[in-house]
């Protein structure tokens, strides 16, 4: 049985993927570059945590509720390396939301089981940075689902500087979701260790952090940040 808090989170995040009316979409607002990265290493391999389910629902929510016609979308699958699942500009002649079938297909691909060892969390942020640099006219919105365990990440020492670069360009919001409350190698929680590794950038108002069990409470803050970025 899944953890009761996970069950509550999944229930609150569960989508209604019925066809949506094209209303209040802010279609005259500037486009964004939406990057969704999912780290499928570490805790994500443990079925008891339900990480894959949570990550899949986060991806579905973002693709359905935040992506609009004209936005650029980059989807990244993070394991021992980083694989680009999709990289495209979403265009709809009718200005409709992304089709249900596409949402389910992309969310499934980005949360595919991770085979092999190692971690590339830092490389995922680097790929997100490079993706955003290709669309200089658009602000970037980055959603990164990860437990935050950096012990097996060979590039972890580069994370603070890289994350600083990410915030120094036109990045509107970085939502880091799924951080693990488990005890890390240093004795504190993995979430706290990850936050410390980010350094002062963790306190930037554009950075939104969410633990593994509080996604439903934090997602509205992310949605509000995206809405603000479109003004």
C-alpha atoms as a PDB file:
ATOM      1  CA  UNK A   1       0.000   0.000   0.000  1.00  0.00           C
ATOM      2  CA  UNK A   2       1.343   3.509  -0.771  1.00  0.00           C
ATOM      3  CA  UNK A   3       2.143   5.902   2.028  1.00  0.00           C
ATOM      4  CA  UNK A   4      -1.115   7.667   3.137  1.00  0.00           C
ATOM      5  CA  UNK A   5       0.399  11.081   2.494  1.00  0.00           C
ATOM      6  CA  UNK A   6       1.349   9.969  -1.011  1.00  0.00           C
ATOM      7  CA  UNK A   7      -2.218   8.801  -1.568  1.00  0.00           C
ATOM      8  CA  UNK A   8      -3.495  12.219  -0.516  1.00  0.00           C
ATOM      9  CA  UNK A   9      -0.978  13.966  -2.761  1.00  0.00           C
ATOM     10  CA  UNK A  10      -1.904  11.838  -5.741  1.00  0.00           C
ATOM     11  CA  UNK A  11      -5.596  12.411  -5.129  1.00  0.00           C
ATOM     12  CA  UNK A  12      -5.145  16.173  -5.007  1.00  0.00           C
ATOM     13  CA  UNK A  13      -2.948  16.225  -8.089  1.00  0.00           C
ATOM     14  CA  UNK A  14      -5.064  13.842 -10.180  1.00  0.00           C
ATOM     15  CA  UNK A  15      -6.066  15.456 -13.441  1.00  0.00           C
ATOM     16  CA  UNK A  16      -9.295  15.722 -15.278  1.00  0.00           C
ATOM     17  CA  UNK A  17      -8.107  15.224 -18.827  1.00  0.00           C
ATOM     18  CA  UNK A  18     -11.478  15.812 -20.444  1.00  0.00           C
ATOM     19  CA  UNK A  19     -11.423  18.281 -23.333  1.00  0.00           C
ATOM     20  CA  UNK A  20     -10.971  21.783 -21.913  1.00  0.00           C
ATOM     21  CA  UNK A  21     -12.624  24.962 -23.100  1.00  0.00           C
ATOM     22  CA  UNK A  22     -10.218  27.521 -24.537  1.00  0.00           C
ATOM     23  CA  UNK A  23     -11.079  30.213 -22.019  1.00  0.00           C
ATOM     24  CA  UNK A  24      -8.894  32.405 -19.842  1.00  0.00           C
ATOM     25  CA  UNK A  25      -5.773  31.083 -21.531  1.00  0.00           C
ATOM     26  CA  UNK A  26      -4.023  34.416 -21.780  1.00  0.00           C
ATOM     27  CA  UNK A  27      -3.425  33.777 -25.458  1.00  0.00           C
ATOM     28  CA  UNK A  28      -2.167  37.309 -26.010  1.00  0.00           C
ATOM     29  CA  UNK A  29       0.522  36.873 -23.347  1.00  0.00           C
ATOM     30  CA  UNK A  30       4.164  36.222 -24.324  1.00  0.00           C
ATOM     31  CA  UNK A  31       5.232  32.606 -24.841  1.00  0.00           C
ATOM     32  CA  UNK A  32       7.362  30.707 -22.341  1.00  0.00           C
ATOM     33  CA  UNK A  33       9.964  27.956 -22.661  1.00  0.00           C
ATOM     34  CA  UNK A  34       8.704  25.175 -20.387  1.00  0.00           C
ATOM     35  CA  UNK A  35      11.290  22.581 -19.360  1.00  0.00           C
ATOM     36  CA  UNK A  36      10.196  19.446 -17.509  1.00  0.00           C
ATOM     37  CA  UNK A  37      13.013  17.229 -16.192  1.00  0.00           C
ATOM     38  CA  UNK A  38      12.417  14.029 -14.232  1.00  0.00           C
ATOM     39  CA  UNK A  39      15.181  12.312 -12.284  1.00  0.00           C
ATOM     40  CA  UNK A  40      14.368   8.604 -12.154  1.00  0.00           C
ATOM     41  CA  UNK A  41      17.352   7.535 -10.040  1.00  0.00           C
ATOM     42  CA  UNK A  42      17.605   7.009  -6.273  1.00  0.00           C
ATOM     43  CA  UNK A  43      14.321   7.099  -4.371  1.00  0.00           C
ATOM     44  CA  UNK A  44      12.326   7.002  -7.595  1.00  0.00           C
ATOM     45  CA  UNK A  45      13.240   3.315  -7.915  1.00  0.00           C
ATOM     46  CA  UNK A  46      11.550   2.477  -4.599  1.00  0.00           C
ATOM     47  CA  UNK A  47       7.858   1.665  -5.224  1.00  0.00           C
ATOM     48  CA  UNK A  48       7.033   2.499  -1.587  1.00  0.00           C
ATOM     49  CA  UNK A  49       7.628   6.203  -2.258  1.00  0.00           C
ATOM     50  CA  UNK A  50       5.376   6.391  -5.311  1.00  0.00           C
ATOM     51  CA  UNK A  51       7.826   8.817  -6.933  1.00  0.00           C
ATOM     52  CA  UNK A  52       7.090   7.750 -10.491  1.00  0.00           C
ATOM     53  CA  UNK A  53       3.352   8.311  -9.972  1.00  0.00           C
ATOM     54  CA  UNK A  54       3.928  11.747  -8.449  1.00  0.00           C
ATOM     55  CA  UNK A  55       6.365  12.774 -11.185  1.00  0.00           C
ATOM     56  CA  UNK A  56       3.962  11.598 -13.878  1.00  0.00           C
ATOM     57  CA  UNK A  57       1.103  13.622 -12.409  1.00  0.00           C
ATOM     58  CA  UNK A  58       3.284  16.716 -12.053  1.00  0.00           C
ATOM     59  CA  UNK A  59       4.261  16.399 -15.736  1.00  0.00           C
ATOM     60  CA  UNK A  60       0.629  15.946 -16.741  1.00  0.00           C
ATOM     61  CA  UNK A  61      -0.471  18.954 -14.691  1.00  0.00           C
ATOM     62  CA  UNK A  62       2.166  21.207 -16.213  1.00  0.00           C
ATOM     63  CA  UNK A  63       1.512  20.072 -19.789  1.00  0.00           C
ATOM     64  CA  UNK A  64      -2.256  20.467 -19.405  1.00  0.00           C
ATOM     65  CA  UNK A  65      -2.516  23.578 -17.257  1.00  0.00           C
ATOM     66  CA  UNK A  66       0.595  25.628 -18.049  1.00  0.00           C
ATOM     67  CA  UNK A  67       1.537  24.989 -21.702  1.00  0.00           C
ATOM     68  CA  UNK A  68      -0.166  27.218 -24.256  1.00  0.00           C
ATOM     69  CA  UNK A  69       0.032  27.650 -27.999  1.00  0.00           C
ATOM     70  CA  UNK A  70       3.316  29.343 -28.874  1.00  0.00           C
ATOM     71  CA  UNK A  71       5.246  27.933 -25.911  1.00  0.00           C
ATOM     72  CA  UNK A  72       8.402  25.893 -26.416  1.00  0.00           C
ATOM     73  CA  UNK A  73       8.512  22.597 -24.506  1.00  0.00           C
ATOM     74  CA  UNK A  74      11.577  20.533 -23.562  1.00  0.00           C
ATOM     75  CA  UNK A  75      11.169  17.197 -21.792  1.00  0.00           C
ATOM     76  CA  UNK A  76      14.182  15.545 -20.130  1.00  0.00           C
ATOM     77  CA  UNK A  77      14.596  12.054 -18.679  1.00  0.00           C
ATOM     78  CA  UNK A  78      17.439  11.981 -16.134  1.00  0.00           C
ATOM     79  CA  UNK A  79      19.237   8.755 -15.185  1.00  0.00           C
ATOM     80  CA  UNK A  80      22.978   8.128 -15.367  1.00  0.00           C
ATOM     81  CA  UNK A  81      22.795  10.667 -18.190  1.00  0.00           C
ATOM     82  CA  UNK A  82      20.223  13.042 -19.645  1.00  0.00           C
ATOM     83  CA  UNK A  83      17.952  12.053 -22.517  1.00  0.00           C
ATOM     84  CA  UNK A  84      15.875  14.602 -24.383  1.00  0.00           C
ATOM     85  CA  UNK A  85      12.430  13.070 -24.822  1.00  0.00           C
ATOM     86  CA  UNK A  86      10.955  15.987 -26.768  1.00  0.00           C
ATOM     87  CA  UNK A  87      11.905  19.517 -27.774  1.00  0.00           C
ATOM     88  CA  UNK A  88       9.284  21.431 -29.753  1.00  0.00           C
ATOM     89  CA  UNK A  89       7.143  24.532 -30.027  1.00  0.00           C
ATOM     90  CA  UNK A  90       3.515  23.745 -29.318  1.00  0.00           C
ATOM     91  CA  UNK A  91       1.237  25.294 -31.917  1.00  0.00           C
ATOM     92  CA  UNK A  92      -2.528  24.976 -32.093  1.00  0.00           C
ATOM     93  CA  UNK A  93      -4.580  26.535 -34.863  1.00  0.00           C
ATOM     94  CA  UNK A  94      -7.571  26.679 -32.531  1.00  0.00           C
ATOM     95  CA  UNK A  95      -5.459  27.855 -29.545  1.00  0.00           C
ATOM     96  CA  UNK A  96      -6.605  24.742 -27.686  1.00  0.00           C
ATOM     97  CA  UNK A  97      -4.723  23.070 -24.861  1.00  0.00           C
ATOM     98  CA  UNK A  98      -2.353  20.196 -25.598  1.00  0.00           C
ATOM     99  CA  UNK A  99      -4.268  17.040 -26.594  1.00  0.00           C
ATOM    100  CA  UNK A 100      -4.863  14.426 -23.900  1.00  0.00           C
ATOM    101  CA  UNK A 101      -3.114  11.670 -25.872  1.00  0.00           C
ATOM    102  CA  UNK A 102       0.071  13.732 -26.222  1.00  0.00           C
ATOM    103  CA  UNK A 103       0.056  14.647 -22.533  1.00  0.00           C
ATOM    104  CA  UNK A 104      -0.205  11.014 -21.444  1.00  0.00           C
ATOM    105  CA  UNK A 105       2.437   9.866 -23.920  1.00  0.00           C
ATOM    106  CA  UNK A 106       4.986  12.511 -22.932  1.00  0.00           C
ATOM    107  CA  UNK A 107       4.377  12.084 -19.198  1.00  0.00           C
ATOM    108  CA  UNK A 108       4.872   8.347 -19.525  1.00  0.00           C
ATOM    109  CA  UNK A 109       8.097   8.719 -21.523  1.00  0.00           C
ATOM    110  CA  UNK A 110       9.690  11.223 -19.164  1.00  0.00           C
ATOM    111  CA  UNK A 111       9.035   8.931 -16.162  1.00  0.00           C
ATOM    112  CA  UNK A 112      10.216   5.682 -17.756  1.00  0.00           C
ATOM    113  CA  UNK A 113      12.141   3.394 -15.368  1.00  0.00           C
ATOM    114  CA  UNK A 114      15.822   4.165 -15.039  1.00  0.00           C
ATOM    115  CA  UNK A 115      18.203   1.422 -16.083  1.00  0.00           C
ATOM    116  CA  UNK A 116      21.827   1.482 -15.024  1.00  0.00           C
ATOM    117  CA  UNK A 117      23.615   3.256 -12.196  1.00  0.00           C
ATOM    118  CA  UNK A 118      24.804   6.746 -11.410  1.00  0.00           C
ATOM    119  CA  UNK A 119      23.036  10.085 -11.308  1.00  0.00           C
ATOM    120  CA  UNK A 120      23.040  13.146 -13.538  1.00  0.00           C
ATOM    121  CA  UNK A 121      21.013  15.676 -11.554  1.00  0.00           C
ATOM    122  CA  UNK A 122      23.503  18.472 -12.251  1.00  0.00           C
ATOM    123  CA  UNK A 123      23.694  17.538 -15.942  1.00  0.00           C
ATOM    124  CA  UNK A 124      19.911  17.840 -16.036  1.00  0.00           C
ATOM    125  CA  UNK A 125      20.115  21.453 -14.880  1.00  0.00           C
ATOM    126  CA  UNK A 126      22.866  22.092 -17.429  1.00  0.00           C
ATOM    127  CA  UNK A 127      20.693  20.701 -20.229  1.00  0.00           C
ATOM    128  CA  UNK A 128      17.773  22.843 -19.034  1.00  0.00           C
ATOM    129  CA  UNK A 129      20.027  25.913 -19.136  1.00  0.00           C
ATOM    130  CA  UNK A 130      21.180  25.170 -22.681  1.00  0.00           C
ATOM    131  CA  UNK A 131      17.603  24.544 -23.820  1.00  0.00           C
ATOM    132  CA  UNK A 132      16.504  27.934 -22.495  1.00  0.00           C
ATOM    133  CA  UNK A 133      19.399  29.679 -24.205  1.00  0.00           C
ATOM    134  CA  UNK A 134      17.996  28.628 -27.583  1.00  0.00           C
ATOM    135  CA  UNK A 135      14.866  30.706 -27.040  1.00  0.00           C
ATOM    136  CA  UNK A 136      16.301  34.020 -25.893  1.00  0.00           C
ATOM    137  CA  UNK A 137      13.044  35.877 -26.524  1.00  0.00           C
ATOM    138  CA  UNK A 138      11.118  33.676 -24.082  1.00  0.00           C
ATOM    139  CA  UNK A 139      11.408  33.340 -20.334  1.00  0.00           C
ATOM    140  CA  UNK A 140      12.112  29.829 -19.043  1.00  0.00           C
ATOM    141  CA  UNK A 141       9.947  27.930 -16.575  1.00  0.00           C
ATOM    142  CA  UNK A 142      11.721  24.839 -15.265  1.00  0.00           C
ATOM    143  CA  UNK A 143      10.074  21.953 -13.425  1.00  0.00           C
ATOM    144  CA  UNK A 144      12.582  19.422 -12.071  1.00  0.00           C
ATOM    145  CA  UNK A 145      11.309  16.360 -10.234  1.00  0.00           C
ATOM    146  CA  UNK A 146      14.155  14.856  -8.188  1.00  0.00           C
ATOM    147  CA  UNK A 147      14.795  13.392  -4.765  1.00  0.00           C
ATOM    148  CA  UNK A 148      17.873  15.629  -4.570  1.00  0.00           C
ATOM    149  CA  UNK A 149      20.338  12.833  -3.766  1.00  0.00           C
ATOM    150  CA  UNK A 150      23.670  14.063  -5.136  1.00  0.00           C
ATOM    151  CA  UNK A 151      26.022  11.437  -3.710  1.00  0.00           C
ATOM    152  CA  UNK A 152      26.278   9.517  -7.017  1.00  0.00           C
ATOM    153  CA  UNK A 153      26.340  12.661  -9.162  1.00  0.00           C
ATOM    154  CA  UNK A 154      29.886  13.137 -10.519  1.00  0.00           C
ATOM    155  CA  UNK A 155      29.176  16.803 -11.351  1.00  0.00           C
ATOM    156  CA  UNK A 156      27.646  17.778  -7.984  1.00  0.00           C
ATOM    157  CA  UNK A 157      30.464  20.216  -7.193  1.00  0.00           C
ATOM    158  CA  UNK A 158      29.411  22.267 -10.230  1.00  0.00           C
ATOM    159  CA  UNK A 159      25.781  22.587  -9.137  1.00  0.00           C
ATOM    160  CA  UNK A 160      25.996  25.938  -7.248  1.00  0.00           C
ATOM    161  CA  UNK A 161      27.733  27.754 -10.120  1.00  0.00           C
ATOM    162  CA  UNK A 162      25.510  26.159 -12.748  1.00  0.00           C
ATOM    163  CA  UNK A 163      22.342  26.975 -10.848  1.00  0.00           C
ATOM    164  CA  UNK A 164      23.546  30.559 -10.498  1.00  0.00           C
ATOM    165  CA  UNK A 165      23.932  30.774 -14.277  1.00  0.00           C
ATOM    166  CA  UNK A 166      20.436  29.394 -14.666  1.00  0.00           C
ATOM    167  CA  UNK A 167      19.057  32.228 -12.543  1.00  0.00           C
ATOM    168  CA  UNK A 168      21.212  34.868 -14.241  1.00  0.00           C
ATOM    169  CA  UNK A 169      19.422  34.455 -17.562  1.00  0.00           C
ATOM    170  CA  UNK A 170      15.736  34.987 -18.320  1.00  0.00           C
ATOM    171  CA  UNK A 171      14.467  32.253 -16.011  1.00  0.00           C
ATOM    172  CA  UNK A 172      11.067  33.097 -14.574  1.00  0.00           C
ATOM    173  CA  UNK A 173      10.676  30.154 -12.216  1.00  0.00           C
ATOM    174  CA  UNK A 174      12.426  26.954 -11.125  1.00  0.00           C
ATOM    175  CA  UNK A 175      10.164  24.434  -9.393  1.00  0.00           C
ATOM    176  CA  UNK A 176      12.187  21.628  -7.769  1.00  0.00           C
ATOM    177  CA  UNK A 177       9.727  18.973  -6.634  1.00  0.00           C
ATOM    178  CA  UNK A 178       9.974  15.635  -4.858  1.00  0.00           C
ATOM    179  CA  UNK A 179      12.922  16.365  -2.544  1.00  0.00           C
ATOM    180  CA  UNK A 180      13.421  13.432  -0.204  1.00  0.00           C
ATOM    181  CA  UNK A 181      13.046  13.599   3.594  1.00  0.00           C
ATOM    182  CA  UNK A 182      15.257  10.520   3.930  1.00  0.00           C
ATOM    183  CA  UNK A 183      18.477  10.759   5.911  1.00  0.00           C
ATOM    184  CA  UNK A 184      21.478  11.374   3.697  1.00  0.00           C
ATOM    185  CA  UNK A 185      25.128  10.406   4.057  1.00  0.00           C
ATOM    186  CA  UNK A 186      25.899  13.553   6.083  1.00  0.00           C
ATOM    187  CA  UNK A 187      23.241  12.734   8.658  1.00  0.00           C
ATOM    188  CA  UNK A 188      20.678  15.399   7.739  1.00  0.00           C
ATOM    189  CA  UNK A 189      17.843  14.959   5.275  1.00  0.00           C
ATOM    190  CA  UNK A 190      18.563  14.661   1.550  1.00  0.00           C
ATOM    191  CA  UNK A 191      16.310  17.680   1.011  1.00  0.00           C
ATOM    192  CA  UNK A 192      18.351  19.842   3.396  1.00  0.00           C
ATOM    193  CA  UNK A 193      21.649  18.679   1.883  1.00  0.00           C
ATOM    194  CA  UNK A 194      20.424  19.535  -1.609  1.00  0.00           C
ATOM    195  CA  UNK A 195      19.244  22.978  -0.499  1.00  0.00           C
ATOM    196  CA  UNK A 196      22.621  23.660   1.136  1.00  0.00           C
ATOM    197  CA  UNK A 197      24.381  22.606  -2.067  1.00  0.00           C
ATOM    198  CA  UNK A 198      22.437  25.212  -4.039  1.00  0.00           C
ATOM    199  CA  UNK A 199      23.853  27.873  -1.747  1.00  0.00           C
ATOM    200  CA  UNK A 200      22.389  31.371  -1.754  1.00  0.00           C
ATOM    201  CA  UNK A 201      20.479  30.624  -4.964  1.00  0.00           C
ATOM    202  CA  UNK A 202      18.074  28.490  -2.914  1.00  0.00           C
ATOM    203  CA  UNK A 203      16.728  31.703  -1.408  1.00  0.00           C
ATOM    204  CA  UNK A 204      15.978  33.341  -4.764  1.00  0.00           C
ATOM    205  CA  UNK A 205      12.295  34.275  -5.004  1.00  0.00           C
ATOM    206  CA  UNK A 206      12.072  32.444  -8.343  1.00  0.00           C
ATOM    207  CA  UNK A 207      13.047  29.122  -6.759  1.00  0.00           C
ATOM    208  CA  UNK A 208      10.199  26.975  -5.413  1.00  0.00           C
ATOM    209  CA  UNK A 209      11.148  23.876  -3.401  1.00  0.00           C
ATOM    210  CA  UNK A 210       8.761  21.052  -2.562  1.00  0.00           C
ATOM    211  CA  UNK A 211       9.329  17.885  -0.576  1.00  0.00           C
ATOM    212  CA  UNK A 212       8.103  14.485  -1.638  1.00  0.00           C
ATOM    213  CA  UNK A 213       4.893  14.745   0.373  1.00  0.00           C
ATOM    214  CA  UNK A 214       3.839  18.383  -0.027  1.00  0.00           C
ATOM    215  CA  UNK A 215       3.484  18.743  -3.814  1.00  0.00           C
ATOM    216  CA  UNK A 216      -0.249  19.377  -3.714  1.00  0.00           C
ATOM    217  CA  UNK A 217       0.266  22.274  -1.313  1.00  0.00           C
ATOM    218  CA  UNK A 218       3.132  23.844  -3.272  1.00  0.00           C
ATOM    219  CA  UNK A 219       1.868  23.421  -6.853  1.00  0.00           C
ATOM    220  CA  UNK A 220      -0.503  26.437  -6.613  1.00  0.00           C
ATOM    221  CA  UNK A 221       2.507  28.652  -5.824  1.00  0.00           C
ATOM    222  CA  UNK A 222       4.181  27.419  -8.989  1.00  0.00           C
ATOM    223  CA  UNK A 223       1.014  28.020 -11.040  1.00  0.00           C
ATOM    224  CA  UNK A 224       0.869  31.578  -9.697  1.00  0.00           C
ATOM    225  CA  UNK A 225       4.521  32.123 -10.648  1.00  0.00           C
ATOM    226  CA  UNK A 226       3.833  30.982 -14.212  1.00  0.00           C
ATOM    227  CA  UNK A 227       0.845  33.299 -14.442  1.00  0.00           C
ATOM    228  CA  UNK A 228       3.003  36.192 -13.251  1.00  0.00           C
ATOM    229  CA  UNK A 229       5.693  35.330 -15.816  1.00  0.00           C
ATOM    230  CA  UNK A 230       3.198  35.724 -18.655  1.00  0.00           C
ATOM    231  CA  UNK A 231       2.420  39.336 -17.818  1.00  0.00           C
END
